Structure formats: C-alpha cells, structure tokens
Amino acid sequence: MKHIWFILAGCLAITIAHAQVKISDQQAIKYVNQQATVCGKIASTYFDSTSLRKPTFLNFRYPHPDETFTAIIWGDDRKNFTYAPETYLKNKQVCITGKITLFHDQPEMIISRPEQIEVIDTSASLK
C-alpha cells in the first residue's frame, strides 16, 4: 500500500510541477496538449453575445486576426467572474494557467475560473 501512495504522490508532483511551466504567448505553440502558464499582453478582446456558446476571446500580443495566442471563456463560465473579462483584461499584462490546445493551427486555452488568470502589475516596474 505504501508503494501505491508514493506512486500517486509522484504523479501529483509531476502534474503540479508541469503546470508551473511559465512561457510567453509566442512560445505557447511549442506546448500544445500540455499544462502551462502563458504570460503576455491582452491586445484585443471580444465577447460574442449573439453566438450559441457566447465566447469571450482574449487575444494576446496583437489584435485579432494576428494574435499569437487566444484565451477563451465560454458563456456558461462568465458567471464565475465578478468582472466583464473583455473590458477588465483588455490591454493588461496577464499570466493564465491551463491546458494549451490548437484550433485551426493556432494555440489557445479555455479559461473557466478567474483563478486561472493573474493580472501582472506593471506599474511597480515603472516607478
């Protein structure tokens, strides 16, 4: 029984350590199907309130259609946020954590909880 605990603890440690890989939005394409923390500036946002799943798009580095990486918040998950992500996060430096996937050969990440998003305070470095 002790061996099973060590194996499970080892797998958990590997999973946690792997999720802590911190990369830039430009590097995300190299980490497809992996857990990572992607950091960069949200250059443009869009909340599509008219489509079926009501996605919110957070586009990194450059405005759509030239973004390097996209984070998506589905409409069903917007209730988890106390703010409108498309307004609050626009032009902010952020780090988001989750699994990187591909959609039309472009890296993206689905965000379902605000805890997956860390807003980086860049004003401290400007002083």
C-alpha atoms as a PDB file:
ATOM      1  CA  MET A   1       0.000   0.000   0.000  1.00  0.00           C
ATOM      2  CA  LYS A   2       2.913   2.320   0.762  1.00  0.00           C
ATOM      3  CA  HIS A   3       4.229   1.905  -2.792  1.00  0.00           C
ATOM      4  CA  ILE A   4       0.912   2.964  -4.296  1.00  0.00           C
ATOM      5  CA  TRP A   5       0.935   6.145  -2.169  1.00  0.00           C
ATOM      6  CA  PHE A   6       4.453   7.055  -3.365  1.00  0.00           C
ATOM      7  CA  ILE A   7       3.490   6.429  -6.984  1.00  0.00           C
ATOM      8  CA  LEU A   8       0.361   8.600  -6.645  1.00  0.00           C
ATOM      9  CA  ALA A   9       2.277  11.326  -4.813  1.00  0.00           C
ATOM     10  CA  GLY A  10       4.948  11.243  -7.531  1.00  0.00           C
ATOM     11  CA  CYS A  11       2.343  11.598 -10.282  1.00  0.00           C
ATOM     12  CA  LEU A  12       0.724  14.501  -8.454  1.00  0.00           C
ATOM     13  CA  ALA A  13       4.087  16.236  -8.005  1.00  0.00           C
ATOM     14  CA  ILE A  14       4.875  15.827 -11.704  1.00  0.00           C
ATOM     15  CA  THR A  15       1.445  17.216 -12.663  1.00  0.00           C
ATOM     16  CA  ILE A  16       1.803  20.222 -10.349  1.00  0.00           C
ATOM     17  CA  ALA A  17       5.367  20.922 -11.455  1.00  0.00           C
ATOM     18  CA  HIS A  18       4.364  20.652 -15.104  1.00  0.00           C
ATOM     19  CA  ALA A  19       1.513  23.128 -14.674  1.00  0.00           C
ATOM     20  CA  GLN A  20       4.017  25.643 -13.330  1.00  0.00           C
ATOM     21  CA  VAL A  21       5.926  25.924 -16.625  1.00  0.00           C
ATOM     22  CA  LYS A  22       5.814  29.673 -17.365  1.00  0.00           C
ATOM     23  CA  ILE A  23       6.076  30.662 -21.023  1.00  0.00           C
ATOM     24  CA  SER A  24       5.402  33.641 -23.262  1.00  0.00           C
ATOM     25  CA  ASP A  25       2.415  33.795 -25.598  1.00  0.00           C
ATOM     26  CA  GLN A  26       4.815  33.303 -28.527  1.00  0.00           C
ATOM     27  CA  GLN A  27       6.110  30.035 -27.033  1.00  0.00           C
ATOM     28  CA  ALA A  28       2.642  28.532 -26.491  1.00  0.00           C
ATOM     29  CA  ILE A  29       2.663  26.710 -29.851  1.00  0.00           C
ATOM     30  CA  LYS A  30       5.509  24.523 -28.510  1.00  0.00           C
ATOM     31  CA  TYR A  31       3.415  23.379 -25.525  1.00  0.00           C
ATOM     32  CA  VAL A  32       0.246  22.112 -27.211  1.00  0.00           C
ATOM     33  CA  ASN A  33      -1.601  19.463 -25.159  1.00  0.00           C
ATOM     34  CA  GLN A  34       0.379  20.444 -22.056  1.00  0.00           C
ATOM     35  CA  GLN A  35      -0.462  22.345 -18.885  1.00  0.00           C
ATOM     36  CA  ALA A  36       1.359  25.664 -18.707  1.00  0.00           C
ATOM     37  CA  THR A  37       1.180  29.258 -17.573  1.00  0.00           C
ATOM     38  CA  VAL A  38       1.153  31.599 -20.557  1.00  0.00           C
ATOM     39  CA  CYS A  39       2.124  35.230 -19.993  1.00  0.00           C
ATOM     40  CA  GLY A  40       1.623  38.209 -22.271  1.00  0.00           C
ATOM     41  CA  LYS A  41      -0.393  41.325 -23.008  1.00  0.00           C
ATOM     42  CA  ILE A  42      -4.067  41.149 -23.979  1.00  0.00           C
ATOM     43  CA  ALA A  43      -4.104  43.209 -27.193  1.00  0.00           C
ATOM     44  CA  SER A  44      -7.765  42.788 -28.083  1.00  0.00           C
ATOM     45  CA  THR A  45     -10.911  41.232 -26.683  1.00  0.00           C
ATOM     46  CA  TYR A  46     -14.342  40.288 -27.953  1.00  0.00           C
ATOM     47  CA  PHE A  47     -17.482  38.999 -26.242  1.00  0.00           C
ATOM     48  CA  ASP A  48     -19.742  37.338 -28.829  1.00  0.00           C
ATOM     49  CA  SER A  49     -23.073  37.579 -27.033  1.00  0.00           C
ATOM     50  CA  THR A  50     -25.021  36.581 -30.155  1.00  0.00           C
ATOM     51  CA  SER A  51     -23.475  33.150 -30.772  1.00  0.00           C
ATOM     52  CA  LEU A  52     -24.725  29.932 -29.185  1.00  0.00           C
ATOM     53  CA  ARG A  53     -21.873  29.417 -26.669  1.00  0.00           C
ATOM     54  CA  LYS A  54     -21.293  33.163 -26.091  1.00  0.00           C
ATOM     55  CA  PRO A  55     -17.469  33.075 -26.088  1.00  0.00           C
ATOM     56  CA  THR A  56     -15.213  35.798 -24.780  1.00  0.00           C
ATOM     57  CA  PHE A  57     -11.942  35.975 -26.709  1.00  0.00           C
ATOM     58  CA  LEU A  58      -8.779  37.347 -25.124  1.00  0.00           C
ATOM     59  CA  ASN A  59      -6.184  37.829 -27.888  1.00  0.00           C
ATOM     60  CA  PHE A  60      -2.512  38.087 -26.967  1.00  0.00           C
ATOM     61  CA  ARG A  61       0.204  40.377 -28.356  1.00  0.00           C
ATOM     62  CA  TYR A  62      -1.623  41.604 -31.483  1.00  0.00           C
ATOM     63  CA  PRO A  63      -5.313  42.261 -32.181  1.00  0.00           C
ATOM     64  CA  HIS A  64      -7.339  39.591 -33.982  1.00  0.00           C
ATOM     65  CA  PRO A  65      -6.658  38.185 -36.588  1.00  0.00           C
ATOM     66  CA  ASP A  66      -2.912  38.463 -35.895  1.00  0.00           C
ATOM     67  CA  GLU A  67      -2.882  37.291 -32.274  1.00  0.00           C
ATOM     68  CA  THR A  68      -0.169  34.874 -31.130  1.00  0.00           C
ATOM     69  CA  PHE A  69      -2.410  33.094 -28.608  1.00  0.00           C
ATOM     70  CA  THR A  70      -6.068  33.211 -27.531  1.00  0.00           C
ATOM     71  CA  ALA A  71      -7.765  32.533 -24.215  1.00  0.00           C
ATOM     72  CA  ILE A  72     -11.469  31.701 -24.408  1.00  0.00           C
ATOM     73  CA  ILE A  73     -14.095  31.998 -21.706  1.00  0.00           C
ATOM     74  CA  TRP A  74     -17.357  30.273 -22.646  1.00  0.00           C
ATOM     75  CA  GLY A  75     -20.620  31.991 -21.783  1.00  0.00           C
ATOM     76  CA  ASP A  76     -21.557  29.362 -19.181  1.00  0.00           C
ATOM     77  CA  ASP A  77     -18.348  30.217 -17.291  1.00  0.00           C
ATOM     78  CA  ARG A  78     -18.806  34.006 -17.299  1.00  0.00           C
ATOM     79  CA  LYS A  79     -20.904  33.661 -14.128  1.00  0.00           C
ATOM     80  CA  ASN A  80     -17.680  32.686 -12.326  1.00  0.00           C
ATOM     81  CA  PHE A  81     -16.216  36.148 -12.962  1.00  0.00           C
ATOM     82  CA  THR A  82     -17.110  39.233 -10.916  1.00  0.00           C
ATOM     83  CA  TYR A  83     -15.999  41.434 -13.820  1.00  0.00           C
ATOM     84  CA  ALA A  84     -16.510  41.574 -17.589  1.00  0.00           C
ATOM     85  CA  PRO A  85     -13.292  39.888 -18.818  1.00  0.00           C
ATOM     86  CA  GLU A  86     -13.373  41.611 -22.217  1.00  0.00           C
ATOM     87  CA  THR A  87     -13.342  45.025 -20.537  1.00  0.00           C
ATOM     88  CA  TYR A  88     -11.256  44.479 -17.421  1.00  0.00           C
ATOM     89  CA  LEU A  89      -8.441  42.454 -19.035  1.00  0.00           C
ATOM     90  CA  LYS A  90      -8.010  44.434 -22.262  1.00  0.00           C
ATOM     91  CA  ASN A  91      -4.514  45.948 -22.551  1.00  0.00           C
ATOM     92  CA  LYS A  92      -3.381  44.233 -19.341  1.00  0.00           C
ATOM     93  CA  GLN A  93      -0.334  42.047 -18.844  1.00  0.00           C
ATOM     94  CA  VAL A  94      -1.571  38.651 -17.611  1.00  0.00           C
ATOM     95  CA  CYS A  95      -0.495  35.095 -16.929  1.00  0.00           C
ATOM     96  CA  ILE A  96      -3.096  32.371 -17.494  1.00  0.00           C
ATOM     97  CA  THR A  97      -2.830  28.751 -16.452  1.00  0.00           C
ATOM     98  CA  GLY A  98      -4.386  25.706 -18.086  1.00  0.00           C
ATOM     99  CA  LYS A  99      -4.058  23.265 -20.950  1.00  0.00           C
ATOM    100  CA  ILE A 100      -2.912  24.616 -24.304  1.00  0.00           C
ATOM    101  CA  THR A 101      -4.803  23.239 -27.296  1.00  0.00           C
ATOM    102  CA  LEU A 102      -4.961  24.013 -31.008  1.00  0.00           C
ATOM    103  CA  PHE A 103      -7.844  25.466 -33.006  1.00  0.00           C
ATOM    104  CA  HIS A 104      -7.238  25.997 -36.727  1.00  0.00           C
ATOM    105  CA  ASP A 105      -3.486  25.562 -36.066  1.00  0.00           C
ATOM    106  CA  GLN A 106      -3.480  28.392 -33.507  1.00  0.00           C
ATOM    107  CA  PRO A 107      -2.714  27.842 -29.795  1.00  0.00           C
ATOM    108  CA  GLU A 108      -5.478  28.587 -27.322  1.00  0.00           C
ATOM    109  CA  MET A 109      -6.587  27.888 -23.775  1.00  0.00           C
ATOM    110  CA  ILE A 110     -10.042  27.552 -22.282  1.00  0.00           C
ATOM    111  CA  ILE A 111     -10.480  29.562 -19.089  1.00  0.00           C
ATOM    112  CA  SER A 112     -13.347  28.651 -16.779  1.00  0.00           C
ATOM    113  CA  ARG A 113     -12.374  30.291 -13.480  1.00  0.00           C
ATOM    114  CA  PRO A 114     -10.865  33.670 -12.570  1.00  0.00           C
ATOM    115  CA  GLU A 115      -8.220  31.843 -10.507  1.00  0.00           C
ATOM    116  CA  GLN A 116      -6.651  30.786 -13.811  1.00  0.00           C
ATOM    117  CA  ILE A 117      -5.848  34.428 -14.596  1.00  0.00           C
ATOM    118  CA  GLU A 118      -3.211  36.508 -12.842  1.00  0.00           C
ATOM    119  CA  VAL A 119      -3.045  40.199 -13.723  1.00  0.00           C
ATOM    120  CA  ILE A 120       0.544  41.428 -13.563  1.00  0.00           C
ATOM    121  CA  ASP A 121       1.022  44.866 -12.018  1.00  0.00           C
ATOM    122  CA  THR A 122       3.439  46.594 -14.377  1.00  0.00           C
ATOM    123  CA  SER A 123       3.096  49.970 -12.634  1.00  0.00           C
ATOM    124  CA  ALA A 124       5.525  48.827  -9.913  1.00  0.00           C
ATOM    125  CA  SER A 125       8.281  48.383 -12.503  1.00  0.00           C
ATOM    126  CA  LEU A 126       7.645  51.878 -13.917  1.00  0.00           C
ATOM    127  CA  LYS A 127       8.498  53.663 -10.639  1.00  0.00           C
END
